[in-house]
Amino acid sequence: MPHVPVDLTFLTNLVVVYGMNLIGATLLAIIGFWIAGAAERTVSRALHASKRMDLTVAGFLASLVKYGLLAVTLVAILQLVGIQATSLIAVLGAASLAIGLALQGTLSNMAAGVMLLLFRPFRIGDHIEVGGKNGVVRDLNFFVTELAGGDNVQILIPNAAVWGQALINYSAYPTRRVEASVTAAPDEDPEAVARDIKAFLRDNPNALDDPAPDVKPAAYAEGGVELAVKAWAPVRQTDALKVELGRYVAERRQGRRSLQPAE
């Protein structure tokens, strides 16, 4: 068998060239990841410093900067090791159809996440109800919306389910209306009872004077006249007003005509 001479010079150059490219690609990856992380933190701090910037949008833009820089880093690494980015893009384009079909649910959640971030039907800290789930929004990313339930239990809802259903945002407006029903006994004057209720609401620090409380007869029966009570309160004081109205109604049924608001 004839002896084939080994070109050590060629092998040495090959190892040196590809070895240097590999070392350079590794250093470039490390530097790229560090720069992307630092840029994300810097953008996040800058956006959070603005009082007009929504926390959800700030997180989205910071993540967008990070992944944009990582994409640039990936292309630079491929060029450094000798892989043409145009060829890789063509291969990825051919494979994207199969990947898209396999990840239909994930992509629909991502698209819904983008729509939620753009149109912002709710913000971090808002109290919402969607898909039968009720809680305070803690986080919104590309794939899921995170809520904290009333008992502080984590609730994760896919974004496609949030975007595709009717959503109730209890925190969207600064005020909310509280409703109750009070029955005036047959021996009571409904107008006097209505004045008594309005006086209670007027003295209650949780009820607003504008819009003014509304107390009107809603139904007439042998047991008396049912009065519909409607009052407005700041959104964060709604629950307190509901509790005090409930106490007022309960104590009226026990024979008390008035109730001082809780301190």
Protein backbone atom coordinates (compact mmCIF):
# COMPACT_ATOMS: atom_id res chain seq x y z
CA MET A 1 0.00 0.00 0.00
CA PRO A 2 1.57 3.29 -1.07
CA HIS A 3 2.38 5.76 1.62
CA VAL A 4 0.41 9.04 1.40
CA PRO A 5 2.41 11.94 2.74
CA VAL A 6 0.67 14.10 5.34
CA ASP A 7 0.82 17.82 4.77
CA LEU A 8 1.43 18.99 8.31
CA THR A 9 1.58 22.59 7.22
CA PHE A 10 -1.90 22.39 5.73
CA LEU A 11 -3.31 20.67 8.82
CA THR A 12 -1.64 23.19 11.08
CA ASN A 13 -3.10 26.09 9.13
CA LEU A 14 -6.51 24.43 9.14
CA VAL A 15 -6.45 23.92 12.89
CA VAL A 16 -5.17 27.44 13.48
CA VAL A 17 -7.77 29.05 11.21
CA TYR A 18 -10.79 27.09 12.50
CA GLY A 19 -9.49 27.11 16.05
CA MET A 20 -9.20 30.89 16.00
CA ASN A 21 -12.66 31.14 14.43
CA LEU A 22 -14.08 28.91 17.14
CA ILE A 23 -12.41 30.91 19.90
CA GLY A 24 -13.59 34.14 18.29
CA ALA A 25 -17.15 32.80 17.99
CA THR A 26 -17.12 31.78 21.66
CA LEU A 27 -15.87 35.19 22.77
CA LEU A 28 -18.40 36.89 20.48
CA ALA A 29 -21.22 34.81 22.00
CA ILE A 30 -20.15 35.69 25.54
CA ILE A 31 -19.82 39.39 24.72
CA GLY A 32 -23.10 39.39 22.78
CA PHE A 33 -25.04 37.78 25.65
CA TRP A 34 -23.49 40.22 28.13
CA ILE A 35 -24.29 43.25 25.96
CA ALA A 36 -27.87 42.00 25.35
CA GLY A 37 -28.46 41.51 29.09
CA ALA A 38 -26.93 44.89 29.96
CA ALA A 39 -28.99 46.62 27.26
CA GLU A 40 -32.19 44.97 28.54
CA ARG A 41 -31.51 46.14 32.09
CA THR A 42 -30.60 49.66 30.94
CA VAL A 43 -33.71 50.03 28.77
CA SER A 44 -35.89 48.59 31.52
CA ARG A 45 -34.56 51.04 34.11
CA ALA A 46 -34.90 53.98 31.71
CA LEU A 47 -38.50 53.10 30.81
CA HIS A 48 -39.52 52.40 34.40
CA ALA A 49 -38.16 55.82 35.38
CA SER A 50 -40.84 57.45 33.21
CA LYS A 51 -44.16 57.89 35.04
CA ARG A 52 -46.08 57.76 31.75
CA MET A 53 -44.66 54.38 30.68
CA ASP A 54 -46.80 51.33 31.36
CA LEU A 55 -44.94 48.51 33.13
CA THR A 56 -46.19 45.91 30.64
CA VAL A 57 -44.97 47.85 27.61
CA ALA A 58 -41.66 48.62 29.35
CA GLY A 59 -40.99 44.92 29.88
CA PHE A 60 -41.96 44.14 26.29
CA LEU A 61 -39.66 46.79 24.80
CA ALA A 62 -36.76 45.74 27.04
CA SER A 63 -37.17 42.10 25.95
CA LEU A 64 -37.40 43.21 22.31
CA VAL A 65 -34.05 45.01 22.60
CA LYS A 66 -32.45 41.95 24.20
CA TYR A 67 -33.61 39.45 21.58
CA GLY A 68 -32.81 41.85 18.75
CA LEU A 69 -29.19 42.07 19.93
CA LEU A 70 -29.04 38.29 20.35
CA ALA A 71 -30.23 37.86 16.76
CA VAL A 72 -27.47 40.20 15.53
CA THR A 73 -24.95 38.25 17.63
CA LEU A 74 -26.09 34.95 16.10
CA VAL A 75 -25.70 36.27 12.56
CA ALA A 76 -22.21 37.60 13.38
CA ILE A 77 -21.17 34.23 14.85
CA LEU A 78 -22.39 32.36 11.77
CA GLN A 79 -20.45 34.70 9.50
CA LEU A 80 -17.34 34.25 11.63
CA VAL A 81 -17.38 30.44 11.42
CA GLY A 82 -17.94 30.55 7.68
CA ILE A 83 -21.68 29.89 7.43
CA GLN A 84 -23.43 32.32 5.12
CA ALA A 85 -26.47 33.85 6.79
CA THR A 86 -28.37 33.93 3.51
CA SER A 87 -28.08 30.17 3.15
CA LEU A 88 -29.16 29.65 6.72
CA ILE A 89 -32.18 31.92 6.23
CA ALA A 90 -33.22 29.87 3.19
CA VAL A 91 -33.01 26.65 5.23
CA LEU A 92 -34.92 28.19 8.11
CA GLY A 93 -37.55 29.47 5.71
CA ALA A 94 -38.11 25.96 4.39
CA ALA A 95 -38.36 24.56 7.93
CA SER A 96 -40.53 27.37 9.28
CA LEU A 97 -43.71 25.93 7.74
CA ALA A 98 -43.35 22.63 9.58
CA ILE A 99 -42.39 24.41 12.78
CA GLY A 100 -45.34 26.78 12.45
CA LEU A 101 -47.79 23.89 12.00
CA ALA A 102 -46.33 22.10 15.02
CA LEU A 103 -46.47 25.21 17.20
CA GLN A 104 -49.81 26.65 16.16
CA GLY A 105 -50.99 27.06 19.74
CA THR A 106 -47.74 28.67 20.87
CA LEU A 107 -47.69 31.06 17.91
CA SER A 108 -51.31 32.04 18.48
CA ASN A 109 -50.47 32.82 22.10
CA MET A 110 -47.50 34.90 20.96
CA ALA A 111 -49.63 36.82 18.45
CA ALA A 112 -52.28 37.40 21.12
CA GLY A 113 -49.56 38.58 23.52
CA VAL A 114 -48.38 41.15 20.98
CA MET A 115 -51.94 42.39 20.50
CA LEU A 116 -52.46 42.67 24.26
CA LEU A 117 -49.22 44.62 24.60
CA LEU A 118 -50.16 46.96 21.75
CA PHE A 119 -53.78 47.66 22.67
CA ARG A 120 -53.34 47.29 26.46
CA PRO A 121 -56.89 46.37 27.59
CA PHE A 122 -55.38 46.03 31.08
CA ARG A 123 -52.21 46.95 32.93
CA ILE A 124 -50.10 45.41 35.66
CA GLY A 125 -52.00 45.77 38.94
CA ASP A 126 -55.47 45.90 37.35
CA HIS A 127 -58.25 43.70 38.71
CA ILE A 128 -59.73 41.76 35.79
CA GLU A 129 -62.02 38.82 35.06
CA VAL A 130 -61.55 36.70 31.94
CA GLY A 131 -62.34 33.11 31.02
CA GLY A 132 -64.07 32.55 34.36
CA LYS A 133 -60.91 33.56 36.25
CA ASN A 134 -60.74 36.58 38.53
CA GLY A 135 -57.64 38.24 39.93
CA VAL A 136 -55.06 41.02 39.85
CA VAL A 137 -52.68 41.14 36.86
CA ARG A 138 -49.12 40.36 37.96
CA ASP A 139 -47.38 39.79 34.62
CA LEU A 140 -47.96 39.65 30.87
CA ASN A 141 -45.44 38.08 28.50
CA PHE A 142 -45.53 36.69 24.98
CA PHE A 143 -47.28 33.46 25.99
CA VAL A 144 -49.30 33.76 29.21
CA THR A 145 -51.05 36.29 31.42
CA GLU A 146 -50.40 35.83 35.13
CA LEU A 147 -53.09 36.68 37.68
CA ALA A 148 -53.06 36.56 41.46
CA GLY A 149 -56.38 35.22 42.72
CA GLY A 150 -58.24 36.51 45.75
CA ASP A 151 -56.47 33.94 47.95
CA ASN A 152 -53.10 34.86 46.36
CA VAL A 153 -53.02 31.76 44.15
CA GLN A 154 -51.15 32.04 40.85
CA ILE A 155 -53.39 31.81 37.77
CA LEU A 156 -51.77 31.40 34.34
CA ILE A 157 -54.00 31.97 31.31
CA PRO A 158 -52.78 31.47 27.71
CA ASN A 159 -52.82 34.80 25.87
CA ALA A 160 -55.00 33.41 23.09
CA ALA A 161 -57.71 32.68 25.67
CA VAL A 162 -57.40 36.21 27.09
CA TRP A 163 -57.53 37.96 23.71
CA GLY A 164 -60.34 35.81 22.32
CA GLN A 165 -62.84 36.23 25.17
CA ALA A 166 -64.86 38.97 26.80
CA LEU A 167 -62.78 40.67 29.47
CA ILE A 168 -63.96 42.66 32.48
CA ASN A 169 -61.51 45.22 33.85
CA TYR A 170 -62.67 46.40 37.26
CA SER A 171 -59.80 48.91 37.47
CA ALA A 172 -60.23 50.62 34.10
CA TYR A 173 -62.19 53.60 35.42
CA PRO A 174 -61.52 55.64 38.57
CA THR A 175 -65.03 55.14 40.01
CA ARG A 176 -67.53 52.29 40.22
CA ARG A 177 -71.19 52.00 41.12
CA VAL A 178 -72.39 50.03 44.14
CA GLU A 179 -75.96 48.75 44.25
CA ALA A 180 -78.13 47.46 47.10
CA SER A 181 -81.77 46.84 47.87
CA VAL A 182 -83.51 48.19 50.98
CA THR A 183 -87.10 47.32 51.90
CA ALA A 184 -89.31 49.91 53.58
CA ALA A 185 -91.90 48.24 55.83
CA PRO A 186 -95.61 48.87 55.16
CA ASP A 187 -95.79 51.19 58.16
CA GLU A 188 -92.83 53.27 56.96
CA ASP A 189 -92.82 56.20 54.60
CA PRO A 190 -90.67 55.19 51.56
CA GLU A 191 -89.63 58.79 50.99
CA ALA A 192 -88.45 59.11 54.59
CA VAL A 193 -86.51 55.86 54.28
CA ALA A 194 -84.95 57.14 51.03
CA ARG A 195 -83.88 60.36 52.79
CA ASP A 196 -82.41 58.29 55.63
CA ILE A 197 -80.38 56.21 53.16
CA LYS A 198 -79.15 59.30 51.32
CA ALA A 199 -78.09 60.86 54.62
CA PHE A 200 -76.17 57.68 55.47
CA LEU A 201 -74.39 57.78 52.11
CA ARG A 202 -73.73 61.51 52.35
CA ASP A 203 -71.96 61.00 55.69
CA ASN A 204 -70.07 57.93 54.50
CA PRO A 205 -66.46 58.77 53.51
CA ASN A 206 -66.40 55.94 50.96
CA ALA A 207 -69.35 57.27 48.92
CA LEU A 208 -69.00 60.06 46.39
CA ASP A 209 -71.25 63.14 46.33
CA ASP A 210 -70.79 63.51 42.58
CA PRO A 211 -72.38 61.53 40.99
CA ALA A 212 -74.98 61.80 43.72
CA PRO A 213 -76.48 58.63 45.28
CA ASP A 214 -79.77 57.54 43.79
CA VAL A 215 -82.55 55.88 45.85
CA LYS A 216 -85.77 55.03 44.01
CA PRO A 217 -88.67 52.59 44.44
CA ALA A 218 -88.04 49.44 42.44
CA ALA A 219 -90.93 47.19 43.39
CA TYR A 220 -94.12 47.23 45.46
CA ALA A 221 -95.36 44.24 47.48
CA GLU A 222 -97.38 43.37 50.56
CA GLY A 223 -94.17 43.26 52.57
CA GLY A 224 -93.39 46.87 51.78
CA VAL A 225 -91.66 48.96 49.16
CA GLU A 226 -88.32 47.79 47.79
CA LEU A 227 -85.93 50.68 47.21
CA ALA A 228 -83.05 50.38 44.74
CA VAL A 229 -79.92 52.07 46.11
CA LYS A 230 -77.18 53.16 43.72
CA ALA A 231 -74.06 54.96 44.93
CA TRP A 232 -70.66 55.71 43.41
CA ALA A 233 -67.29 55.18 45.07
CA PRO A 234 -63.59 55.41 44.13
CA VAL A 235 -62.53 52.08 42.66
CA ARG A 236 -60.30 51.19 45.63
CA GLN A 237 -63.08 51.96 48.13
CA THR A 238 -65.84 50.03 46.39
CA ASP A 239 -65.52 46.92 48.55
CA ALA A 240 -65.62 48.99 51.74
CA LEU A 241 -68.82 50.73 50.63
CA LYS A 242 -70.40 47.38 49.71
CA VAL A 243 -69.66 46.06 53.20
CA GLU A 244 -71.11 49.13 54.92
CA LEU A 245 -74.22 49.10 52.75
CA GLY A 246 -74.65 45.43 53.58
CA ARG A 247 -74.39 46.22 57.29
CA TYR A 248 -76.89 49.04 56.87
CA VAL A 249 -79.42 46.74 55.18
CA ALA A 250 -78.89 43.94 57.73
CA GLU A 251 -79.33 46.24 60.72
CA ARG A 252 -82.43 47.85 59.22
CA ARG A 253 -83.95 44.37 59.01
CA GLN A 254 -83.21 43.95 62.71
CA GLY A 255 -85.16 47.09 63.48
CA ARG A 256 -82.52 49.82 63.43
CA ARG A 257 -83.34 52.83 61.27
CA SER A 258 -79.85 54.30 60.90
CA LEU A 259 -76.21 53.29 61.04
CA GLN A 260 -73.19 55.47 61.46
CA PRO A 261 -70.39 54.72 58.95
CA ALA A 262 -67.42 52.81 60.33
CA GLU A 263 -64.44 54.86 61.41
